Amino acid sequence: MEPTTKDFESAISELESIVKTLEDGDLTLERSLALFERGVELSRFCHARLEEAERRIEVLTERGELRPAPASLGDDEPDEPERGR
């Protein structure tokens, strides 16, 4: 029986735990597959919640048009292009 996912934050937390467990690598094949399947399920849940949030934001903005964030928002060095990505 799969546990249900209540919210985005708990899904992310569980997904992080699964990733760490899989990275440790001390699991049987069957347990690894079960965790991987649960991870995919959680990933899809999170993606759906993010899309839902995006749609809600679109509705809340004027005429549904998304506006780009100001260049200075979250950008330590706005004039420097990102390297290595």
PDB file of N, CA and C in Angstrom:
ATOM      1  N   MET A   1       0.846  -1.182   0.000  1.00  0.00           N
ATOM      2  CA  MET A   1       0.000   0.000   0.000  1.00  0.00           C
ATOM      3  C   MET A   1       0.889   1.243   0.000  1.00  0.00           C
ATOM      4  N   GLU A   2       0.696   2.123  -0.985  1.00  0.00           N
ATOM      5  CA  GLU A   2       1.486   3.341  -1.102  1.00  0.00           C
ATOM      6  C   GLU A   2       0.946   4.414  -0.163  1.00  0.00           C
ATOM      7  N   PRO A   3       1.844   5.077   0.563  1.00  0.00           N
ATOM      8  CA  PRO A   3       1.385   6.201   1.381  1.00  0.00           C
ATOM      9  C   PRO A   3       0.938   7.344   0.481  1.00  0.00           C
ATOM     10  N   THR A   4      -0.062   8.083   0.921  1.00  0.00           N
ATOM     11  CA  THR A   4      -0.534   9.197   0.118  1.00  0.00           C
ATOM     12  C   THR A   4       0.336  10.424   0.367  1.00  0.00           C
ATOM     13  N   THR A   5       0.375  11.290  -0.613  1.00  0.00           N
ATOM     14  CA  THR A   5       1.144  12.517  -0.517  1.00  0.00           C
ATOM     15  C   THR A   5       0.174  13.638  -0.191  1.00  0.00           C
ATOM     16  N   LYS A   6       0.444  14.339   0.907  1.00  0.00           N
ATOM     17  CA  LYS A   6      -0.478  15.371   1.354  1.00  0.00           C
ATOM     18  C   LYS A   6      -0.195  16.734   0.746  1.00  0.00           C
ATOM     19  N   ASP A   7       1.064  17.111   0.613  1.00  0.00           N
ATOM     20  CA  ASP A   7       1.371  18.433   0.086  1.00  0.00           C
ATOM     21  C   ASP A   7       2.743  18.437  -0.579  1.00  0.00           C
ATOM     22  N   PHE A   8       3.022  19.534  -1.258  1.00  0.00           N
ATOM     23  CA  PHE A   8       4.256  19.684  -2.017  1.00  0.00           C
ATOM     24  C   PHE A   8       5.485  19.522  -1.125  1.00  0.00           C
ATOM     25  N   GLU A   9       5.478  20.181   0.019  1.00  0.00           N
ATOM     26  CA  GLU A   9       6.639  20.164   0.905  1.00  0.00           C
ATOM     27  C   GLU A   9       6.951  18.760   1.417  1.00  0.00           C
ATOM     28  N   SER A  10       5.916  18.002   1.789  1.00  0.00           N
ATOM     29  CA  SER A  10       6.169  16.635   2.265  1.00  0.00           C
ATOM     30  C   SER A  10       6.635  15.744   1.118  1.00  0.00           C
ATOM     31  N   ALA A  11       6.129  15.992  -0.085  1.00  0.00           N
ATOM     32  CA  ALA A  11       6.564  15.215  -1.252  1.00  0.00           C
ATOM     33  C   ALA A  11       8.031  15.478  -1.548  1.00  0.00           C
ATOM     34  N   ILE A  12       8.444  16.742  -1.497  1.00  0.00           N
ATOM     35  CA  ILE A  12       9.856  17.086  -1.743  1.00  0.00           C
ATOM     36  C   ILE A  12      10.741  16.456  -0.680  1.00  0.00           C
ATOM     37  N   SER A  13      10.306  16.519   0.562  1.00  0.00           N
ATOM     38  CA  SER A  13      11.085  15.940   1.656  1.00  0.00           C
ATOM     39  C   SER A  13      11.263  14.431   1.469  1.00  0.00           C
ATOM     40  N   GLU A  14      10.170  13.755   1.122  1.00  0.00           N
ATOM     41  CA  GLU A  14      10.250  12.312   0.890  1.00  0.00           C
ATOM     42  C   GLU A  14      11.125  11.995  -0.313  1.00  0.00           C
ATOM     43  N   LEU A  15      11.008  12.792  -1.360  1.00  0.00           N
ATOM     44  CA  LEU A  15      11.815  12.586  -2.558  1.00  0.00           C
ATOM     45  C   LEU A  15      13.300  12.754  -2.245  1.00  0.00           C
ATOM     46  N   GLU A  16      13.649  13.764  -1.457  1.00  0.00           N
ATOM     47  CA  GLU A  16      15.045  13.966  -1.057  1.00  0.00           C
ATOM     48  C   GLU A  16      15.561  12.768  -0.265  1.00  0.00           C
ATOM     49  N   SER A  17      14.725  12.238   0.607  1.00  0.00           N
ATOM     50  CA  SER A  17      15.100  11.067   1.397  1.00  0.00           C
ATOM     51  C   SER A  17      15.331   9.849   0.500  1.00  0.00           C
ATOM     52  N   ILE A  18      14.479   9.678  -0.484  1.00  0.00           N
ATOM     53  CA  ILE A  18      14.618   8.556  -1.420  1.00  0.00           C
ATOM     54  C   ILE A  18      15.916   8.688  -2.207  1.00  0.00           C
ATOM     55  N   VAL A  19      16.210   9.886  -2.682  1.00  0.00           N
ATOM     56  CA  VAL A  19      17.437  10.106  -3.450  1.00  0.00           C
ATOM     57  C   VAL A  19      18.653   9.759  -2.609  1.00  0.00           C
ATOM     58  N   LYS A  20      18.662  10.222  -1.361  1.00  0.00           N
ATOM     59  CA  LYS A  20      19.792   9.921  -0.474  1.00  0.00           C
ATOM     60  C   LYS A  20      19.934   8.417  -0.253  1.00  0.00           C
ATOM     61  N   THR A  21      18.827   7.745  -0.019  1.00  0.00           N
ATOM     62  CA  THR A  21      18.851   6.295   0.198  1.00  0.00           C
ATOM     63  C   THR A  21      19.374   5.568  -1.038  1.00  0.00           C
ATOM     64  N   LEU A  22      18.916   5.983  -2.210  1.00  0.00           N
ATOM     65  CA  LEU A  22      19.382   5.353  -3.446  1.00  0.00           C
ATOM     66  C   LEU A  22      20.858   5.639  -3.690  1.00  0.00           C
ATOM     67  N   GLU A  23      21.301   6.838  -3.358  1.00  0.00           N
ATOM     68  CA  GLU A  23      22.712   7.186  -3.546  1.00  0.00           C
ATOM     69  C   GLU A  23      23.615   6.368  -2.632  1.00  0.00           C
ATOM     70  N   ASP A  24      23.119   6.023  -1.450  1.00  0.00           N
ATOM     71  CA  ASP A  24      23.916   5.202  -0.534  1.00  0.00           C
ATOM     72  C   ASP A  24      24.203   3.833  -1.144  1.00  0.00           C
ATOM     73  N   GLY A  25      23.261   3.328  -1.955  1.00  0.00           N
ATOM     74  CA  GLY A  25      23.499   2.142  -2.756  1.00  0.00           C
ATOM     75  C   GLY A  25      23.515   0.798  -2.050  1.00  0.00           C
ATOM     76  N   ASP A  26      23.140   0.736  -0.803  1.00  0.00           N
ATOM     77  CA  ASP A  26      23.174  -0.532  -0.071  1.00  0.00           C
ATOM     78  C   ASP A  26      21.776  -1.150  -0.023  1.00  0.00           C
ATOM     79  N   LEU A  27      21.181  -1.376  -1.206  1.00  0.00           N
ATOM     80  CA  LEU A  27      19.820  -1.874  -1.297  1.00  0.00           C
ATOM     81  C   LEU A  27      19.752  -3.055  -2.257  1.00  0.00           C
ATOM     82  N   THR A  28      18.734  -3.863  -2.069  1.00  0.00           N
ATOM     83  CA  THR A  28      18.483  -4.926  -3.038  1.00  0.00           C
ATOM     84  C   THR A  28      17.911  -4.296  -4.301  1.00  0.00           C
ATOM     85  N   LEU A  29      17.948  -5.029  -5.375  1.00  0.00           N
ATOM     86  CA  LEU A  29      17.396  -4.551  -6.633  1.00  0.00           C
ATOM     87  C   LEU A  29      15.916  -4.223  -6.477  1.00  0.00           C
ATOM     88  N   GLU A  30      15.177  -5.124  -5.842  1.00  0.00           N
ATOM     89  CA  GLU A  30      13.731  -4.917  -5.668  1.00  0.00           C
ATOM     90  C   GLU A  30      13.437  -3.660  -4.855  1.00  0.00           C
ATOM     91  N   ARG A  31      14.191  -3.448  -3.777  1.00  0.00           N
ATOM     92  CA  ARG A  31      13.981  -2.257  -2.940  1.00  0.00           C
ATOM     93  C   ARG A  31      14.357  -1.002  -3.726  1.00  0.00           C
ATOM     94  N   SER A  32      15.426  -1.059  -4.494  1.00  0.00           N
ATOM     95  CA  SER A  32      15.826   0.081  -5.315  1.00  0.00           C
ATOM     96  C   SER A  32      14.741   0.427  -6.331  1.00  0.00           C
ATOM     97  N   LEU A  33      14.179  -0.587  -6.976  1.00  0.00           N
ATOM     98  CA  LEU A  33      13.112  -0.351  -7.947  1.00  0.00           C
ATOM     99  C   LEU A  33      11.873   0.235  -7.288  1.00  0.00           C
ATOM    100  N   ALA A  34      11.517  -0.277  -6.118  1.00  0.00           N
ATOM    101  CA  ALA A  34      10.348   0.245  -5.405  1.00  0.00           C
ATOM    102  C   ALA A  34      10.555   1.716  -5.036  1.00  0.00           C
ATOM    103  N   LEU A  35      11.737   2.043  -4.550  1.00  0.00           N
ATOM    104  CA  LEU A  35      12.027   3.439  -4.203  1.00  0.00           C
ATOM    105  C   LEU A  35      12.046   4.326  -5.445  1.00  0.00           C
ATOM    106  N   PHE A  36      12.614   3.807  -6.530  1.00  0.00           N
ATOM    107  CA  PHE A  36      12.637   4.567  -7.772  1.00  0.00           C
ATOM    108  C   PHE A  36      11.221   4.855  -8.259  1.00  0.00           C
ATOM    109  N   GLU A  37      10.361   3.851  -8.208  1.00  0.00           N
ATOM    110  CA  GLU A  37       8.961   4.031  -8.622  1.00  0.00           C
ATOM    111  C   GLU A  37       8.273   5.084  -7.759  1.00  0.00           C
ATOM    112  N   ARG A  38       8.501   5.023  -6.454  1.00  0.00           N
ATOM    113  CA  ARG A  38       7.913   6.022  -5.554  1.00  0.00           C
ATOM    114  C   ARG A  38       8.474   7.406  -5.874  1.00  0.00           C
ATOM    115  N   GLY A  39       9.755   7.485  -6.185  1.00  0.00           N
ATOM    116  CA  GLY A  39      10.362   8.759  -6.545  1.00  0.00           C
ATOM    117  C   GLY A  39       9.739   9.360  -7.793  1.00  0.00           C
ATOM    118  N   VAL A  40       9.483   8.523  -8.784  1.00  0.00           N
ATOM    119  CA  VAL A  40       8.837   8.995 -10.013  1.00  0.00           C
ATOM    120  C   VAL A  40       7.432   9.510  -9.692  1.00  0.00           C
ATOM    121  N   GLU A  41       6.716   8.777  -8.861  1.00  0.00           N
ATOM    122  CA  GLU A  41       5.374   9.186  -8.445  1.00  0.00           C
ATOM    123  C   GLU A  41       5.414  10.548  -7.742  1.00  0.00           C
ATOM    124  N   LEU A  42       6.359  10.713  -6.829  1.00  0.00           N
ATOM    125  CA  LEU A  42       6.501  11.982  -6.109  1.00  0.00           C
ATOM    126  C   LEU A  42       6.899  13.113  -7.048  1.00  0.00           C
ATOM    127  N   SER A  43       7.787  12.817  -7.974  1.00  0.00           N
ATOM    128  CA  SER A  43       8.221  13.812  -8.941  1.00  0.00           C
ATOM    129  C   SER A  43       7.035  14.299  -9.780  1.00  0.00           C
ATOM    130  N   ARG A  44       6.206  13.386 -10.221  1.00  0.00           N
ATOM    131  CA  ARG A  44       5.023  13.756 -11.004  1.00  0.00           C
ATOM    132  C   ARG A  44       4.056  14.590 -10.169  1.00  0.00           C
ATOM    133  N   PHE A  45       3.869  14.203  -8.905  1.00  0.00           N
ATOM    134  CA  PHE A  45       3.013  14.957  -7.994  1.00  0.00           C
ATOM    135  C   PHE A  45       3.520  16.390  -7.857  1.00  0.00           C
ATOM    136  N   CYS A  46       4.826  16.544  -7.623  1.00  0.00           N
ATOM    137  CA  CYS A  46       5.418  17.878  -7.456  1.00  0.00           C
ATOM    138  C   CYS A  46       5.278  18.701  -8.734  1.00  0.00           C
ATOM    139  N   HIS A  47       5.533  18.078  -9.867  1.00  0.00           N
ATOM    140  CA  HIS A  47       5.414  18.773 -11.149  1.00  0.00           C
ATOM    141  C   HIS A  47       3.981  19.268 -11.358  1.00  0.00           C
ATOM    142  N   ALA A  48       3.007  18.436 -11.034  1.00  0.00           N
ATOM    143  CA  ALA A  48       1.603  18.822 -11.182  1.00  0.00           C
ATOM    144  C   ALA A  48       1.259  19.985 -10.260  1.00  0.00           C
ATOM    145  N   ARG A  49       1.771  19.963  -9.027  1.00  0.00           N
ATOM    146  CA  ARG A  49       1.498  21.064  -8.084  1.00  0.00           C
ATOM    147  C   ARG A  49       2.131  22.361  -8.582  1.00  0.00           C
ATOM    148  N   LEU A  50       3.330  22.280  -9.152  1.00  0.00           N
ATOM    149  CA  LEU A  50       3.991  23.473  -9.683  1.00  0.00           C
ATOM    150  C   LEU A  50       3.222  24.044 -10.875  1.00  0.00           C
ATOM    151  N   GLU A  51       2.736  23.168 -11.755  1.00  0.00           N
ATOM    152  CA  GLU A  51       1.937  23.636 -12.889  1.00  0.00           C
ATOM    153  C   GLU A  51       0.650  24.293 -12.406  1.00  0.00           C
ATOM    154  N   GLU A  52       0.031  23.709 -11.397  1.00  0.00           N
ATOM    155  CA  GLU A  52      -1.186  24.270 -10.821  1.00  0.00           C
ATOM    156  C   GLU A  52      -0.913  25.664 -10.237  1.00  0.00           C
ATOM    157  N   ALA A  53       0.191  25.801  -9.522  1.00  0.00           N
ATOM    158  CA  ALA A  53       0.561  27.101  -8.951  1.00  0.00           C
ATOM    159  C   ALA A  53       0.794  28.124 -10.059  1.00  0.00           C
ATOM    160  N   GLU A  54       1.439  27.703 -11.135  1.00  0.00           N
ATOM    161  CA  GLU A  54       1.695  28.603 -12.257  1.00  0.00           C
ATOM    162  C   GLU A  54       0.391  29.087 -12.874  1.00  0.00           C
ATOM    163  N   ARG A  55      -0.580  28.183 -13.039  1.00  0.00           N
ATOM    164  CA  ARG A  55      -1.878  28.574 -13.592  1.00  0.00           C
ATOM    165  C   ARG A  55      -2.583  29.568 -12.670  1.00  0.00           C
ATOM    166  N   ARG A  56      -2.494  29.343 -11.373  1.00  0.00           N
ATOM    167  CA  ARG A  56      -3.121  30.264 -10.418  1.00  0.00           C
ATOM    168  C   ARG A  56      -2.477  31.641 -10.499  1.00  0.00           C
ATOM    169  N   ILE A  57      -1.168  31.693 -10.659  1.00  0.00           N
ATOM    170  CA  ILE A  57      -0.466  32.967 -10.779  1.00  0.00           C
ATOM    171  C   ILE A  57      -0.905  33.685 -12.046  1.00  0.00           C
ATOM    172  N   GLU A  58      -1.039  32.946 -13.142  1.00  0.00           N
ATOM    173  CA  GLU A  58      -1.486  33.540 -14.396  1.00  0.00           C
ATOM    174  C   GLU A  58      -2.863  34.180 -14.233  1.00  0.00           C
ATOM    175  N   VAL A  59      -3.747  33.524 -13.520  1.00  0.00           N
ATOM    176  CA  VAL A  59      -5.088  34.049 -13.302  1.00  0.00           C
ATOM    177  C   VAL A  59      -5.032  35.309 -12.442  1.00  0.00           C
ATOM    178  N   LEU A  60      -4.128  35.319 -11.484  1.00  0.00           N
ATOM    179  CA  LEU A  60      -4.038  36.462 -10.575  1.00  0.00           C
ATOM    180  C   LEU A  60      -3.362  37.681 -11.183  1.00  0.00           C
ATOM    181  N   THR A  61      -2.554  37.487 -12.206  1.00  0.00           N
ATOM    182  CA  THR A  61      -1.888  38.629 -12.832  1.00  0.00           C
ATOM    183  C   THR A  61      -2.856  39.303 -13.790  1.00  0.00           C
ATOM    184  N   GLU A  62      -2.587  40.526 -14.083  1.00  0.00           N
ATOM    185  CA  GLU A  62      -3.465  41.302 -14.958  1.00  0.00           C
ATOM    186  C   GLU A  62      -3.614  40.639 -16.320  1.00  0.00           C
ATOM    187  N   ARG A  63      -4.836  40.360 -16.717  1.00  0.00           N
ATOM    188  CA  ARG A  63      -5.200  39.736 -18.001  1.00  0.00           C
ATOM    189  C   ARG A  63      -4.478  38.420 -18.249  1.00  0.00           C
ATOM    190  N   GLY A  64      -3.996  37.767 -17.188  1.00  0.00           N
ATOM    191  CA  GLY A  64      -3.360  36.474 -17.332  1.00  0.00           C
ATOM    192  C   GLY A  64      -1.988  36.506 -17.967  1.00  0.00           C
ATOM    193  N   GLU A  65      -1.411  37.702 -18.121  1.00  0.00           N
ATOM    194  CA  GLU A  65      -0.094  37.808 -18.738  1.00  0.00           C
ATOM    195  C   GLU A  65       0.990  37.761 -17.673  1.00  0.00           C
ATOM    196  N   LEU A  66       1.881  36.818 -17.798  1.00  0.00           N
ATOM    197  CA  LEU A  66       3.001  36.747 -16.881  1.00  0.00           C
ATOM    198  C   LEU A  66       4.026  37.785 -17.285  1.00  0.00           C
ATOM    199  N   ARG A  67       4.575  38.433 -16.298  1.00  0.00           N
ATOM    200  CA  ARG A  67       5.617  39.424 -16.559  1.00  0.00           C
ATOM    201  C   ARG A  67       6.939  38.876 -16.064  1.00  0.00           C
ATOM    202  N   PRO A  68       8.019  39.105 -16.791  1.00  0.00           N
ATOM    203  CA  PRO A  68       9.309  38.615 -16.317  1.00  0.00           C
ATOM    204  C   PRO A  68       9.714  39.340 -15.036  1.00  0.00           C
ATOM    205  N   ALA A  69      10.432  38.627 -14.174  1.00  0.00           N
ATOM    206  CA  ALA A  69      10.933  39.233 -12.950  1.00  0.00           C
ATOM    207  C   ALA A  69      11.979  40.269 -13.302  1.00  0.00           C
ATOM    208  N   PRO A  70      12.119  41.303 -12.465  1.00  0.00           N
ATOM    209  CA  PRO A  70      13.176  42.292 -12.725  1.00  0.00           C
ATOM    210  C   PRO A  70      14.542  41.620 -12.777  1.00  0.00           C
ATOM    211  N   ALA A  71      15.424  42.152 -13.604  1.00  0.00           N
ATOM    212  CA  ALA A  71      16.753  41.559 -13.780  1.00  0.00           C
ATOM    213  C   ALA A  71      17.514  41.495 -12.467  1.00  0.00           C
ATOM    214  N   SER A  72      17.248  42.426 -11.561  1.00  0.00           N
ATOM    215  CA  SER A  72      17.993  42.468 -10.299  1.00  0.00           C
ATOM    216  C   SER A  72      17.505  41.438  -9.289  1.00  0.00           C
ATOM    217  N   LEU A  73      16.366  40.828  -9.515  1.00  0.00           N
ATOM    218  CA  LEU A  73      15.801  39.875  -8.569  1.00  0.00           C
ATOM    219  C   LEU A  73      16.597  38.576  -8.568  1.00  0.00           C
ATOM    220  N   GLY A  74      17.274  38.308  -7.449  1.00  0.00           N
ATOM    221  CA  GLY A  74      18.017  37.066  -7.294  1.00  0.00           C
ATOM    222  C   GLY A  74      19.253  36.962  -8.151  1.00  0.00           C
ATOM    223  N   ASP A  75      19.728  38.064  -8.667  1.00  0.00           N
ATOM    224  CA  ASP A  75      20.889  38.038  -9.548  1.00  0.00           C
ATOM    225  C   ASP A  75      22.024  38.809  -8.882  1.00  0.00           C
ATOM    226  N   ASP A  76      23.044  38.110  -8.402  1.00  0.00           N
ATOM    227  CA  ASP A  76      24.152  38.747  -7.701  1.00  0.00           C
ATOM    228  C   ASP A  76      24.960  39.660  -8.615  1.00  0.00           C
ATOM    229  N   GLU A  77      25.174  39.208  -9.839  1.00  0.00           N
ATOM    230  CA  GLU A  77      25.958  39.979 -10.799  1.00  0.00           C
ATOM    231  C   GLU A  77      25.192  40.041 -12.110  1.00  0.00           C
ATOM    232  N   PRO A  78      24.291  41.017 -12.253  1.00  0.00           N
ATOM    233  CA  PRO A  78      23.410  41.036 -13.425  1.00  0.00           C
ATOM    234  C   PRO A  78      24.113  41.203 -14.760  1.00  0.00           C
ATOM    235  N   ASP A  79      25.300  41.805 -14.784  1.00  0.00           N
ATOM    236  CA  ASP A  79      25.977  42.038 -16.047  1.00  0.00           C
ATOM    237  C   ASP A  79      26.853  40.864 -16.482  1.00  0.00           C
ATOM    238  N   GLU A  80      27.065  39.890 -15.604  1.00  0.00           N
ATOM    239  CA  GLU A  80      27.922  38.740 -15.915  1.00  0.00           C
ATOM    240  C   GLU A  80      27.077  37.587 -16.459  1.00  0.00           C
ATOM    241  N   PRO A  81      27.397  37.056 -17.627  1.00  0.00           N
ATOM    242  CA  PRO A  81      26.669  35.870 -18.108  1.00  0.00           C
ATOM    243  C   PRO A  81      27.039  34.653 -17.263  1.00  0.00           C
ATOM    244  N   GLU A  82      26.083  33.736 -17.134  1.00  0.00           N
ATOM    245  CA  GLU A  82      26.345  32.527 -16.378  1.00  0.00           C
ATOM    246  C   GLU A  82      27.291  31.646 -17.159  1.00  0.00           C
ATOM    247  N   ARG A  83      28.268  31.097 -16.475  1.00  0.00           N
ATOM    248  CA  ARG A  83      29.261  30.238 -17.123  1.00  0.00           C
ATOM    249  C   ARG A  83      29.088  28.805 -16.663  1.00  0.00           C
ATOM    250  N   GLY A  84      29.391  27.880 -17.537  1.00  0.00           N
ATOM    251  CA  GLY A  84      29.396  26.471 -17.184  1.00  0.00           C
ATOM    252  C   GLY A  84      28.050  25.818 -17.152  1.00  0.00           C
ATOM    253  N   ARG A  85      27.031  26.448 -17.697  1.00  0.00           N
ATOM    254  CA  ARG A  85      25.696  25.846 -17.696  1.00  0.00           C
ATOM    255  C   ARG A  85      25.252  25.549 -19.081  1.00  0.00           C
TER     256      ARG A  85
END
